[in-house]
Amino acid sequence: MYAWKKAGFNIASHIVWTKGYDSGKKYLKYRHECAYLLTKGYPDVPDEPLPSVMPWKYSGNGLHPTQKPVDILIPLITKFSNVGDIVLDAFSGSGSTAVASVLSDRDYLGYELDKQYHKVAVKRLIDLVNDGVIEHGK
């Protein structure tokens, strides 16, 4: 949180996605995922806010152990950004946020330290071009 604040981000809220399965267990059964909603400055509050607790749709985790489903990310991206904006994901993993951003007509900037997951994310974006879902160069 210190790094976010130092970079000029404000913590606006957080999101909890509830899972219908255990993604792990130790002292408790892990049945949720969390994310923070960060803002730069003080943007307008949406007319129709999203709920802070939403259902999770299992992705199968075929590409990454904590793979996010694209369809749960699209509402966040479209609610909190405009067409042509840049969406930042500092922990890109298999590229779900990149795919959701491109499908929502947003640009994307992501970071991923693991070379294998970086390759997976790039391939997912190339597949969107090859499948004709998006135009080359977008």
Protein backbone atom coordinates (compact mmCIF):
# COMPACT_ATOMS: atom_id res chain seq x y z
CA MET A 1 0.00 0.00 0.00
CA TYR A 2 2.91 2.31 0.72
CA ALA A 3 4.20 1.86 -2.85
CA TRP A 4 0.76 2.52 -4.34
CA LYS A 5 0.37 5.72 -2.36
CA LYS A 6 3.92 6.82 -3.16
CA ALA A 7 3.12 6.32 -6.87
CA GLY A 8 0.09 8.59 -6.52
CA PHE A 9 -2.65 5.98 -6.28
CA ASN A 10 -5.54 6.25 -3.86
CA ILE A 11 -7.25 3.17 -2.47
CA ALA A 12 -10.88 3.73 -3.48
CA SER A 13 -12.28 0.36 -2.41
CA HIS A 14 -11.75 -3.34 -2.65
CA ILE A 15 -13.53 -6.19 -4.41
CA VAL A 16 -14.24 -9.69 -3.20
CA TRP A 17 -15.10 -12.45 -5.66
CA THR A 18 -16.78 -15.42 -4.01
CA LYS A 19 -15.92 -18.89 -5.26
CA GLY A 20 -18.14 -21.94 -5.20
CA TYR A 21 -15.15 -24.21 -4.60
CA ASP A 22 -12.06 -24.43 -2.41
CA SER A 23 -8.98 -23.10 -4.17
CA GLY A 24 -6.93 -24.24 -1.19
CA LYS A 25 -7.26 -24.83 2.50
CA LYS A 26 -5.28 -24.67 5.67
CA TYR A 27 -6.90 -23.03 8.69
CA LEU A 28 -9.79 -21.99 6.46
CA LYS A 29 -11.11 -23.07 3.08
CA TYR A 30 -10.06 -20.47 0.49
CA ARG A 31 -13.29 -19.50 -1.27
CA HIS A 32 -12.66 -15.96 -2.42
CA GLU A 33 -10.31 -13.67 -4.35
CA CYS A 34 -9.68 -10.03 -3.51
CA ALA A 35 -8.54 -7.00 -5.47
CA TYR A 36 -8.10 -3.34 -4.68
CA LEU A 37 -9.65 -0.57 -6.71
CA LEU A 38 -6.97 2.11 -7.07
CA THR A 39 -7.51 5.55 -8.57
CA LYS A 40 -5.28 8.40 -9.65
CA GLY A 41 -6.64 11.65 -8.34
CA TYR A 42 -10.33 11.73 -7.56
CA PRO A 43 -12.33 10.57 -10.58
CA ASP A 44 -16.10 10.89 -10.74
CA VAL A 45 -18.11 8.28 -8.88
CA PRO A 46 -20.01 6.05 -11.34
CA ASP A 47 -23.77 6.59 -11.67
CA GLU A 48 -24.32 2.86 -11.18
CA PRO A 49 -21.57 1.48 -8.90
CA LEU A 50 -20.64 -2.18 -9.17
CA PRO A 51 -21.13 -4.39 -6.11
CA SER A 52 -18.05 -4.90 -3.94
CA VAL A 53 -18.85 -8.63 -3.69
CA MET A 54 -19.32 -10.53 -6.96
CA PRO A 55 -19.45 -14.15 -8.06
CA TRP A 56 -16.32 -15.78 -9.45
CA LYS A 57 -16.45 -17.83 -12.63
CA TYR A 58 -13.87 -20.60 -12.59
CA SER A 59 -11.41 -20.31 -15.47
CA GLY A 60 -10.05 -23.83 -15.10
CA ASN A 61 -6.62 -22.33 -14.29
CA GLY A 62 -5.26 -23.96 -17.43
CA LEU A 63 -2.79 -21.16 -18.13
CA HIS A 64 -1.85 -19.98 -14.64
CA PRO A 65 -2.49 -21.23 -11.08
CA THR A 66 -4.44 -18.06 -10.22
CA GLN A 67 -5.84 -17.30 -13.67
CA LYS A 68 -8.57 -14.68 -13.66
CA PRO A 69 -11.63 -15.20 -15.87
CA VAL A 70 -11.78 -12.51 -18.57
CA ASP A 71 -15.52 -12.01 -18.19
CA ILE A 72 -15.26 -10.87 -14.55
CA LEU A 73 -12.64 -8.27 -15.49
CA ILE A 74 -14.50 -6.62 -18.39
CA PRO A 75 -17.16 -4.92 -16.18
CA LEU A 76 -14.42 -3.40 -14.02
CA ILE A 77 -12.46 -2.16 -17.00
CA THR A 78 -15.48 -0.66 -18.76
CA LYS A 79 -16.82 0.94 -15.56
CA PHE A 80 -13.57 2.59 -14.47
CA SER A 81 -11.95 3.57 -17.76
CA ASN A 82 -12.85 5.01 -21.14
CA VAL A 83 -12.28 3.68 -24.63
CA GLY A 84 -8.63 4.33 -25.49
CA ASP A 85 -7.45 4.58 -21.88
CA ILE A 86 -4.51 2.54 -20.62
CA VAL A 87 -5.20 -0.28 -18.16
CA LEU A 88 -2.26 -1.16 -15.90
CA ASP A 89 -1.71 -4.63 -14.47
CA ALA A 90 1.51 -4.91 -12.48
CA PHE A 91 1.10 -8.69 -12.05
CA SER A 92 0.00 -9.83 -15.51
CA GLY A 93 0.24 -13.59 -15.10
CA SER A 94 -1.36 -15.27 -18.11
CA GLY A 95 -2.73 -11.99 -19.49
CA SER A 96 -6.42 -12.10 -18.56
CA THR A 97 -6.47 -8.35 -17.86
CA ALA A 98 -4.69 -7.70 -21.16
CA VAL A 99 -7.29 -9.72 -23.06
CA ALA A 100 -10.18 -8.04 -21.20
CA SER A 101 -8.65 -4.61 -21.88
CA VAL A 102 -8.22 -5.21 -25.60
CA LEU A 103 -11.74 -6.65 -25.89
CA SER A 104 -12.98 -3.47 -24.19
CA ASP A 105 -11.12 -1.16 -26.63
CA ARG A 106 -8.56 -0.11 -24.04
CA ASP A 107 -4.79 -0.07 -24.31
CA TYR A 108 -2.86 -2.21 -21.88
CA LEU A 109 0.38 -2.02 -19.95
CA GLY A 110 1.41 -5.06 -17.97
CA TYR A 111 4.36 -6.49 -16.16
CA GLU A 112 5.19 -10.14 -15.65
CA LEU A 113 8.50 -11.41 -14.27
CA ASP A 114 7.95 -15.07 -15.19
CA LYS A 115 9.06 -15.56 -18.81
CA GLN A 116 6.76 -18.54 -19.38
CA TYR A 117 3.65 -16.65 -18.26
CA HIS A 118 4.73 -13.65 -20.32
CA LYS A 119 4.83 -15.92 -23.39
CA VAL A 120 1.36 -17.25 -22.54
CA ALA A 121 -0.03 -13.71 -22.26
CA VAL A 122 1.53 -12.63 -25.55
CA LYS A 123 0.16 -15.74 -27.26
CA ARG A 124 -3.34 -14.99 -25.97
CA LEU A 125 -3.18 -11.53 -27.53
CA ILE A 126 -1.77 -12.85 -30.80
CA ASP A 127 -4.58 -15.43 -30.88
CA LEU A 128 -7.14 -12.60 -30.70
CA VAL A 129 -5.58 -11.08 -33.81
CA ASN A 130 -5.30 -14.42 -35.62
CA ASP A 131 -8.92 -15.29 -34.79
CA GLY A 132 -10.06 -11.91 -36.18
CA VAL A 133 -11.41 -10.79 -32.81
CA ILE A 134 -9.25 -7.65 -32.93
CA GLU A 135 -7.43 -5.90 -35.75
CA HIS A 136 -3.65 -6.16 -36.05
CA GLY A 137 -2.01 -3.08 -34.57
CA LYS A 138 -4.76 -2.27 -32.07
